[in-house]
Amino acid sequence: MSAEICRDRDNLYFYLRLYIYVSSFTPTETRAVSMLATLYVVRMLGLFMVLPLIAVYSADMTGATPFLLGLAVGAYGLTQSTLQIPMGWLSDRIDRRWVIVFGLSLLMLGSVVAALSSSIWGVIAGRFLQGAGAIASATMALVADYTRVEQRAKASAIIGGSIAIAFGLALVLGPTFANFGGLQGVFSVTALLATAGIGVVCFLPKPDRRAAASRDAAVGFQRNRLAEVLSIKSLNTMYASIFALHFLLMAVFVVVPTGLESEAGIAREHHALAYLGALVFSVPGIYLLVKGRRYIQAPTQTLLISLTVLLLGLVAMAIGGFVATLVGLWLFFTGFTALEAMLPSLASVYAPESSRGTAMGVFASSQFIGVFFGGLLGGLLLELSGTTGVWLGMSLLTLLWAIVLGVSHSTSPETSNAA
């Protein structure tokens, strides 16, 4: 009984803290942050819903090869990484809302191109166009315009949480929508979501440009601070880690969708249930890994534990079979999601306050470059050496990443900042 009382008390404290956390926003901040989080969900759903689909639904398209399927999976990463900074620069000179509308229009156009295409090249072109709508930097700058300095960390955390939610939803909704309209139907849904996102932008309150002009220097990307953020060892470890993490994610989705059919015997119309089950069962493990932000006090140890879980997932999926594939998917999502939560937080804390925006710009670019090369090289390995080559390549990359983490000896950000 006493344990139940303690648990109820802890739940009460949690909801009280959550209420205080959100209620510290002004009404304008609450409205703006909620709408911007919605925009992030719309955009990331559009990019992620097709990840578990391209390998199985595009294989019969005109011109399809394993290499081109991998390129279609990761194509958006190249245009994302290339245009993120220019779009942020443009948003500093015109109304950021127009930049976001332009980016969502490119997402819609790319989705339409892919939906109408019967060849793999059309899907690739559509994915490149989808990625060209790089609105992340403009959106985060708009968060700074709408919020007070002391509330920006909370606003950024909410935006980050919306991305995690979008990823989970995409893995379930993508296969579900594909059951009714195939890959083209999912691209059509993405176009509708982008249109709805444009409607959301129309209801955003007008930002205070005077407040924007007086933002602290850490908000945006600054070219003159680039050398500084590239010279910090701990930050470079974070850049390499986020590159490797998203490289692995894209490469996994080059082979996992077909593996669910061939190895686990799960029909494609039931893939949504497989992803949903893996995500749900991964929650306790994710909680244990990130609980209490222990990764701040012992970053190398916690990252290596999460990476070990991810590697075990890769090994299990490589073994194949119904049980091993599902267990592997569960372990992979546990390790991936924990790392996805920890790495941005660590990077933002390692970064000098005056260069935080620049550091996070490099971090985001590293992530999207990893997306592109993960899809590209995953597809190339699949074409040259089959699924065995992909699993072996990903396992070797994971081991190399673990070595980099081990020799980097990243100290606690709190210790680094104190020094």
Protein backbone atom coordinates (compact mmCIF):
# COMPACT_ATOMS: atom_id res chain seq x y z
CA MET A 1 0.00 0.00 0.00
CA SER A 2 2.77 2.44 0.91
CA ALA A 3 4.42 1.82 -2.46
CA GLU A 4 1.16 2.71 -4.23
CA ILE A 5 0.85 5.89 -2.18
CA CYS A 6 4.42 6.88 -3.11
CA ARG A 7 3.69 6.15 -6.75
CA ASP A 8 0.52 8.25 -6.69
CA ARG A 9 2.43 11.03 -4.96
CA ASP A 10 5.17 10.88 -7.61
CA ASN A 11 2.55 11.05 -10.36
CA LEU A 12 0.97 14.06 -8.67
CA TYR A 13 4.34 15.79 -8.48
CA PHE A 14 4.98 14.99 -12.13
CA TYR A 15 1.74 16.58 -13.32
CA LEU A 16 2.29 19.54 -11.01
CA ARG A 17 5.76 20.09 -12.45
CA LEU A 18 4.37 19.72 -15.96
CA TYR A 19 1.68 22.32 -15.23
CA ILE A 20 4.23 24.75 -13.82
CA TYR A 21 6.53 24.07 -16.77
CA VAL A 22 3.95 24.97 -19.40
CA SER A 23 2.02 27.64 -17.45
CA SER A 24 5.17 29.80 -17.19
CA PHE A 25 4.57 30.76 -20.82
CA THR A 26 2.54 33.85 -21.61
CA PRO A 27 -0.61 33.25 -23.71
CA THR A 28 1.21 34.49 -26.82
CA GLU A 29 4.17 32.21 -26.12
CA THR A 30 1.88 29.24 -25.52
CA ARG A 31 0.04 29.82 -28.78
CA ALA A 32 3.20 30.37 -30.81
CA VAL A 33 5.14 27.42 -29.39
CA SER A 34 2.16 25.09 -29.82
CA MET A 35 1.73 26.10 -33.44
CA LEU A 36 5.44 25.85 -34.22
CA ALA A 37 5.56 22.39 -32.62
CA THR A 38 2.63 21.44 -34.85
CA LEU A 39 4.59 22.63 -37.89
CA TYR A 40 7.52 20.45 -36.87
CA VAL A 41 5.25 17.44 -36.53
CA VAL A 42 3.75 18.11 -39.97
CA ARG A 43 7.15 18.43 -41.60
CA MET A 44 8.76 15.45 -39.92
CA LEU A 45 5.74 13.25 -40.58
CA GLY A 46 6.09 14.13 -44.25
CA LEU A 47 9.75 13.14 -44.31
CA PHE A 48 9.54 10.06 -42.07
CA MET A 49 6.30 8.34 -43.13
CA VAL A 50 7.88 6.94 -46.28
CA LEU A 51 11.04 5.62 -44.55
CA PRO A 52 9.57 2.17 -43.78
CA LEU A 53 7.87 2.05 -47.20
CA ILE A 54 10.33 2.93 -49.97
CA ALA A 55 12.27 -0.35 -49.83
CA VAL A 56 9.15 -2.51 -50.25
CA TYR A 57 6.80 -0.30 -52.29
CA SER A 58 9.34 1.14 -54.76
CA ALA A 59 11.18 -2.08 -55.59
CA ASP A 60 8.96 -2.73 -58.64
CA MET A 61 9.13 0.83 -59.98
CA THR A 62 10.73 1.53 -63.34
CA GLY A 63 14.52 1.74 -62.99
CA ALA A 64 14.57 0.62 -59.35
CA THR A 65 17.82 -0.87 -58.04
CA PRO A 66 18.94 -1.39 -54.42
CA PHE A 67 21.35 1.55 -54.77
CA LEU A 68 18.63 3.88 -56.08
CA LEU A 69 16.22 2.72 -53.38
CA GLY A 70 18.81 3.72 -50.80
CA LEU A 71 19.28 7.06 -52.53
CA ALA A 72 15.51 7.63 -52.40
CA VAL A 73 15.52 6.89 -48.66
CA GLY A 74 18.25 9.42 -47.84
CA ALA A 75 17.97 11.97 -50.66
CA TYR A 76 16.26 14.61 -48.54
CA GLY A 77 19.28 14.76 -46.22
CA LEU A 78 21.52 16.31 -48.89
CA THR A 79 19.23 19.24 -49.65
CA GLN A 80 18.40 19.64 -45.96
CA SER A 81 22.06 19.96 -44.98
CA THR A 82 22.88 22.22 -47.93
CA LEU A 83 19.98 24.67 -47.56
CA GLN A 84 19.53 24.83 -43.79
CA ILE A 85 21.94 27.74 -43.32
CA PRO A 86 20.85 29.74 -46.43
CA MET A 87 17.20 29.44 -45.38
CA GLY A 88 18.13 30.63 -41.90
CA TRP A 89 20.05 33.55 -43.42
CA LEU A 90 17.03 34.47 -45.56
CA SER A 91 14.75 34.37 -42.53
CA ASP A 92 16.94 37.02 -40.89
CA ARG A 93 16.17 39.39 -43.75
CA ILE A 94 12.49 38.85 -44.47
CA ASP A 95 9.50 37.74 -42.42
CA ARG A 96 10.35 34.26 -41.14
CA ARG A 97 6.77 33.15 -41.70
CA TRP A 98 7.20 33.60 -45.45
CA VAL A 99 10.36 31.47 -45.36
CA ILE A 100 8.42 28.71 -43.58
CA VAL A 101 5.57 28.98 -46.10
CA PHE A 102 8.13 28.67 -48.92
CA GLY A 103 9.70 25.63 -47.27
CA LEU A 104 6.35 23.92 -46.75
CA SER A 105 5.47 24.69 -50.38
CA LEU A 106 8.61 22.83 -51.46
CA LEU A 107 7.61 19.92 -49.22
CA MET A 108 4.19 19.90 -50.88
CA LEU A 109 5.67 20.16 -54.39
CA GLY A 110 8.15 17.36 -53.74
CA SER A 111 5.39 15.15 -52.39
CA VAL A 112 3.24 15.77 -55.47
CA VAL A 113 6.16 14.98 -57.80
CA ALA A 114 6.80 11.70 -55.97
CA ALA A 115 3.10 10.80 -55.80
CA LEU A 116 2.65 11.23 -59.56
CA SER A 117 5.78 9.34 -60.51
CA SER A 118 5.92 5.75 -61.70
CA SER A 119 9.73 5.60 -61.77
CA ILE A 120 12.28 5.55 -58.97
CA TRP A 121 13.88 8.68 -60.42
CA GLY A 122 10.67 10.60 -59.87
CA VAL A 123 10.60 9.49 -56.23
CA ILE A 124 14.24 10.55 -55.83
CA ALA A 125 13.50 13.96 -57.37
CA GLY A 126 10.52 14.35 -55.05
CA ARG A 127 12.63 13.48 -52.02
CA PHE A 128 15.27 16.03 -53.00
CA LEU A 129 12.53 18.66 -53.29
CA GLN A 130 11.05 17.65 -49.94
CA GLY A 131 14.41 18.21 -48.28
CA ALA A 132 14.85 21.59 -49.97
CA GLY A 133 12.13 22.97 -47.72
CA ALA A 134 14.66 23.31 -44.90
CA ILE A 135 12.68 25.28 -42.32
CA ALA A 136 14.32 24.06 -39.09
CA SER A 137 16.64 27.05 -38.64
CA ALA A 138 13.91 29.56 -39.51
CA THR A 139 11.47 27.86 -37.15
CA MET A 140 13.89 27.81 -34.23
CA ALA A 141 14.74 31.47 -34.86
CA LEU A 142 11.01 32.21 -34.82
CA VAL A 143 10.78 30.43 -31.46
CA ALA A 144 13.36 32.93 -30.19
CA ASP A 145 11.33 35.82 -31.63
CA TYR A 146 8.19 34.74 -29.81
CA THR A 147 9.66 33.78 -26.44
CA ARG A 148 11.50 35.51 -23.63
CA VAL A 149 15.12 34.53 -23.10
CA GLU A 150 14.34 32.60 -19.91
CA GLN A 151 11.65 30.55 -21.70
CA ARG A 152 13.60 29.57 -24.82
CA ALA A 153 15.08 26.39 -23.39
CA LYS A 154 11.58 25.17 -22.48
CA ALA A 155 10.25 26.08 -25.90
CA SER A 156 13.14 24.26 -27.60
CA ALA A 157 12.51 21.19 -25.44
CA ILE A 158 8.85 21.13 -26.51
CA ILE A 159 9.88 21.42 -30.16
CA GLY A 160 12.37 18.59 -29.69
CA GLY A 161 9.71 16.44 -28.07
CA SER A 162 7.41 17.04 -31.03
CA ILE A 163 10.08 15.64 -33.36
CA ALA A 164 10.28 12.43 -31.32
CA ILE A 165 6.49 12.14 -31.39
CA ALA A 166 6.47 12.69 -35.16
CA PHE A 167 9.04 9.94 -35.69
CA GLY A 168 7.01 7.42 -33.72
CA LEU A 169 3.75 8.40 -35.41
CA ALA A 170 5.36 8.24 -38.85
CA LEU A 171 6.50 4.64 -38.44
CA VAL A 172 2.94 3.62 -37.60
CA LEU A 173 0.93 5.94 -39.85
CA GLY A 174 3.10 5.43 -42.94
CA PRO A 175 2.42 1.69 -43.30
CA THR A 176 -1.21 2.24 -42.26
CA PHE A 177 -1.86 4.80 -45.01
CA ALA A 178 0.08 2.64 -47.49
CA ASN A 179 -2.39 -0.19 -46.91
CA PHE A 180 -5.05 1.98 -48.56
CA GLY A 181 -3.15 3.98 -51.19
CA GLY A 182 0.33 2.56 -51.52
CA LEU A 183 3.43 4.75 -51.52
CA GLN A 184 1.74 7.30 -53.79
CA GLY A 185 -1.08 7.62 -51.29
CA VAL A 186 1.39 8.40 -48.49
CA PHE A 187 3.06 11.08 -50.60
CA SER A 188 -0.40 12.53 -51.28
CA VAL A 189 -1.14 12.64 -47.54
CA THR A 190 2.18 14.43 -47.05
CA ALA A 191 1.16 17.06 -49.61
CA LEU A 192 -2.09 17.60 -47.71
CA LEU A 193 -0.19 17.89 -44.41
CA ALA A 194 2.12 20.50 -45.94
CA THR A 195 -0.92 22.46 -47.12
CA ALA A 196 -2.39 22.28 -43.62
CA GLY A 197 0.94 23.49 -42.25
CA ILE A 198 0.79 26.55 -44.48
CA GLY A 199 -2.63 27.23 -43.00
CA VAL A 200 -1.15 27.03 -39.49
CA VAL A 201 1.49 29.62 -40.42
CA CYS A 202 -1.26 32.02 -41.49
CA PHE A 203 -2.56 32.04 -37.91
CA LEU A 204 0.81 32.65 -36.28
CA PRO A 205 0.93 36.01 -34.48
CA LYS A 206 3.18 38.63 -36.02
CA PRO A 207 6.61 38.39 -34.37
CA ASP A 208 8.14 41.42 -32.69
CA ARG A 209 11.02 42.31 -34.98
CA ARG A 210 12.47 44.61 -32.34
CA ALA A 211 12.71 41.63 -30.03
CA ALA A 212 14.29 39.67 -32.85
CA ALA A 213 16.88 42.38 -33.35
CA SER A 214 17.85 42.26 -29.69
CA ARG A 215 18.16 38.48 -29.44
CA ASP A 216 21.25 37.18 -27.76
CA ALA A 217 24.03 36.19 -30.14
CA ALA A 218 23.64 32.49 -29.41
CA VAL A 219 20.37 32.07 -31.28
CA GLY A 220 21.50 31.86 -34.88
CA PHE A 221 24.33 30.52 -37.04
CA GLN A 222 27.34 32.85 -37.13
CA ARG A 223 30.06 32.16 -39.67
CA ASN A 224 32.74 33.99 -37.69
CA ARG A 225 32.23 31.56 -34.79
CA LEU A 226 32.47 28.44 -36.93
CA ALA A 227 36.17 27.86 -36.18
CA GLU A 228 35.49 28.08 -32.46
CA VAL A 229 32.79 25.39 -32.40
CA LEU A 230 34.87 23.11 -34.65
CA SER A 231 37.84 23.29 -32.28
CA ILE A 232 36.04 21.89 -29.22
CA LYS A 233 36.78 18.17 -28.85
CA SER A 234 33.58 17.27 -27.03
CA LEU A 235 31.45 19.04 -29.64
CA ASN A 236 33.26 17.26 -32.48
CA THR A 237 32.41 13.97 -30.77
CA MET A 238 28.74 15.01 -30.74
CA TYR A 239 28.88 15.97 -34.44
CA ALA A 240 30.38 12.59 -35.33
CA SER A 241 27.85 10.80 -33.13
CA ILE A 242 24.75 12.40 -34.65
CA PHE A 243 26.17 11.74 -38.14
CA ALA A 244 26.68 8.06 -37.30
CA LEU A 245 23.28 7.72 -35.60
CA HIS A 246 21.31 8.97 -38.59
CA PHE A 247 23.57 7.12 -41.01
CA LEU A 248 22.58 3.93 -39.21
CA LEU A 249 18.89 4.87 -39.15
CA MET A 250 18.73 5.37 -42.92
CA ALA A 251 20.75 2.24 -43.65
CA VAL A 252 18.44 0.23 -41.37
CA PHE A 253 15.41 1.35 -43.34
CA VAL A 254 17.04 0.22 -46.57
CA VAL A 255 16.88 -3.41 -45.37
CA VAL A 256 14.45 -3.71 -42.42
CA PRO A 257 11.14 -3.32 -44.33
CA THR A 258 12.00 -6.21 -46.66
CA GLY A 259 13.46 -8.13 -43.71
CA LEU A 260 10.13 -7.96 -41.90
CA GLU A 261 8.61 -9.76 -44.89
CA SER A 262 11.36 -12.22 -45.78
CA GLU A 263 12.87 -12.97 -42.35
CA ALA A 264 10.00 -12.42 -39.92
CA GLY A 265 7.21 -13.46 -42.29
CA ILE A 266 5.18 -10.33 -41.54
CA ALA A 267 3.05 -9.13 -44.45
CA ARG A 268 3.54 -5.49 -45.38
CA GLU A 269 -0.02 -4.60 -44.34
CA HIS A 270 0.95 -5.61 -40.78
CA HIS A 271 4.25 -3.71 -40.61
CA ALA A 272 2.58 -0.87 -38.69
CA LEU A 273 1.86 -3.27 -35.82
CA ALA A 274 5.49 -4.44 -35.77
CA TYR A 275 6.80 -0.88 -35.55
CA LEU A 276 4.18 0.08 -32.97
CA GLY A 277 5.04 -2.89 -30.77
CA ALA A 278 8.77 -2.16 -30.97
CA LEU A 279 8.24 1.50 -30.09
CA VAL A 280 5.91 0.76 -27.16
CA PHE A 281 8.22 -1.86 -25.66
CA SER A 282 11.21 0.47 -26.07
CA VAL A 283 9.74 3.12 -23.74
CA PRO A 284 10.88 1.55 -20.41
CA GLY A 285 14.42 1.09 -21.72
CA ILE A 286 14.56 4.65 -23.02
CA TYR A 287 13.35 5.92 -19.66
CA LEU A 288 16.04 3.98 -17.79
CA LEU A 289 18.77 5.29 -20.08
CA VAL A 290 17.84 8.97 -19.91
CA LYS A 291 16.33 9.00 -16.40
CA GLY A 292 17.50 11.89 -14.26
CA ARG A 293 19.71 13.21 -17.06
CA ARG A 294 22.50 10.95 -15.80
CA TYR A 295 24.13 11.30 -19.20
CA ILE A 296 25.07 14.85 -18.19
CA GLN A 297 27.16 13.57 -15.26
CA ALA A 298 28.65 10.55 -17.10
CA PRO A 299 28.21 11.16 -20.84
CA THR A 300 30.70 8.63 -22.25
CA GLN A 301 29.44 5.77 -20.07
CA THR A 302 25.75 6.44 -20.78
CA LEU A 303 26.30 6.89 -24.52
CA LEU A 304 28.29 3.64 -24.71
CA ILE A 305 25.54 1.73 -22.88
CA SER A 306 22.92 3.07 -25.31
CA LEU A 307 25.18 2.28 -28.25
CA THR A 308 25.63 -1.28 -26.98
CA VAL A 309 21.84 -1.71 -26.89
CA LEU A 310 21.64 -0.42 -30.46
CA LEU A 311 24.42 -2.77 -31.60
CA LEU A 312 22.68 -5.76 -30.02
CA GLY A 313 19.60 -4.79 -32.01
CA LEU A 314 21.59 -4.76 -35.25
CA VAL A 315 23.08 -8.18 -34.48
CA ALA A 316 19.65 -9.65 -33.67
CA MET A 317 18.14 -8.32 -36.90
CA ALA A 318 21.12 -9.69 -38.85
CA ILE A 319 20.47 -13.16 -37.37
CA GLY A 320 16.94 -13.05 -38.81
CA GLY A 321 13.87 -15.08 -38.02
CA PHE A 322 10.61 -13.91 -36.48
CA VAL A 323 11.72 -13.54 -32.85
CA ALA A 324 15.23 -12.22 -33.52
CA THR A 325 13.98 -9.61 -36.01
CA LEU A 326 11.34 -8.23 -33.64
CA VAL A 327 13.69 -8.28 -30.63
CA GLY A 328 16.33 -6.57 -32.76
CA LEU A 329 13.88 -3.89 -33.86
CA TRP A 330 12.91 -3.29 -30.21
CA LEU A 331 16.55 -3.00 -29.07
CA PHE A 332 17.49 -0.78 -32.00
CA PHE A 333 14.64 1.66 -31.32
CA THR A 334 15.53 1.70 -27.62
CA GLY A 335 19.16 2.61 -28.27
CA PHE A 336 18.38 4.96 -31.14
CA THR A 337 15.71 6.97 -29.33
CA ALA A 338 17.80 7.30 -26.18
CA LEU A 339 20.77 8.56 -28.20
CA GLU A 340 18.50 10.87 -30.19
CA ALA A 341 17.37 12.44 -26.92
CA MET A 342 20.83 12.70 -25.35
CA LEU A 343 23.02 13.96 -28.19
CA PRO A 344 21.30 17.33 -28.88
CA SER A 345 21.13 18.04 -25.17
CA LEU A 346 24.83 17.29 -24.69
CA ALA A 347 25.80 19.34 -27.75
CA SER A 348 23.85 22.36 -26.55
CA VAL A 349 25.48 22.17 -23.12
CA TYR A 350 29.01 21.64 -24.45
CA ALA A 351 28.64 24.64 -26.78
CA PRO A 352 29.83 28.05 -25.53
CA GLU A 353 26.85 30.25 -24.77
CA SER A 354 27.94 32.89 -27.29
CA SER A 355 28.22 30.30 -30.08
CA ARG A 356 25.39 27.92 -29.25
CA GLY A 357 23.38 28.71 -32.38
CA THR A 358 26.40 28.11 -34.60
CA ALA A 359 27.21 24.85 -32.81
CA MET A 360 23.66 23.57 -33.21
CA GLY A 361 23.71 24.58 -36.88
CA VAL A 362 26.77 22.39 -37.42
CA PHE A 363 25.09 19.65 -35.36
CA ALA A 364 21.96 19.74 -37.55
CA SER A 365 24.03 19.73 -40.75
CA SER A 366 25.99 16.70 -39.48
CA GLN A 367 22.70 14.92 -38.83
CA PHE A 368 21.34 15.51 -42.33
CA ILE A 369 24.63 14.61 -44.01
CA GLY A 370 24.42 11.33 -42.10
CA VAL A 371 20.89 10.84 -43.43
CA PHE A 372 22.06 11.23 -47.03
CA PHE A 373 25.13 9.01 -46.82
CA GLY A 374 23.30 6.40 -44.75
CA GLY A 375 20.71 5.92 -47.46
CA LEU A 376 23.27 6.18 -50.28
CA LEU A 377 25.86 3.76 -48.88
CA GLY A 378 23.22 1.47 -47.40
CA GLY A 379 21.75 1.05 -50.87
CA LEU A 380 25.20 0.59 -52.41
CA LEU A 381 26.12 -2.14 -49.91
CA LEU A 382 22.79 -3.85 -50.54
CA GLU A 383 23.43 -3.87 -54.28
CA LEU A 384 27.03 -5.08 -54.02
CA SER A 385 26.85 -7.59 -51.16
CA GLY A 386 23.22 -8.08 -50.17
CA THR A 387 21.72 -7.70 -46.72
CA THR A 388 24.74 -9.39 -45.11
CA GLY A 389 26.96 -6.58 -46.35
CA VAL A 390 24.60 -3.94 -44.97
CA TRP A 391 24.41 -5.53 -41.51
CA LEU A 392 28.18 -6.04 -41.42
CA GLY A 393 28.84 -2.47 -42.54
CA MET A 394 26.47 -1.03 -39.93
CA SER A 395 27.97 -3.18 -37.18
CA LEU A 396 31.50 -2.05 -38.08
CA LEU A 397 30.39 1.60 -38.10
CA THR A 398 28.81 1.13 -34.67
CA LEU A 399 32.02 -0.39 -33.30
CA LEU A 400 34.06 2.46 -34.80
CA TRP A 401 31.67 4.93 -33.19
CA ALA A 402 32.10 3.19 -29.83
CA ILE A 403 35.88 3.46 -30.18
CA VAL A 404 35.59 7.18 -30.94
CA LEU A 405 33.44 7.65 -27.83
CA GLY A 406 35.83 5.61 -25.73
CA VAL A 407 38.99 7.49 -26.72
CA SER A 408 37.32 10.91 -26.62
CA HIS A 409 36.81 10.69 -22.84
CA SER A 410 34.11 13.36 -22.95
CA THR A 411 33.82 14.90 -19.50
CA SER A 412 30.61 16.04 -17.89
CA PRO A 413 29.42 19.29 -19.52
CA GLU A 414 28.97 20.71 -16.03
CA THR A 415 32.67 20.04 -15.31
CA SER A 416 33.70 21.48 -18.67
CA ASN A 417 31.70 24.65 -18.16
CA ALA A 418 32.96 25.05 -14.62
CA ALA A 419 36.50 24.85 -15.90
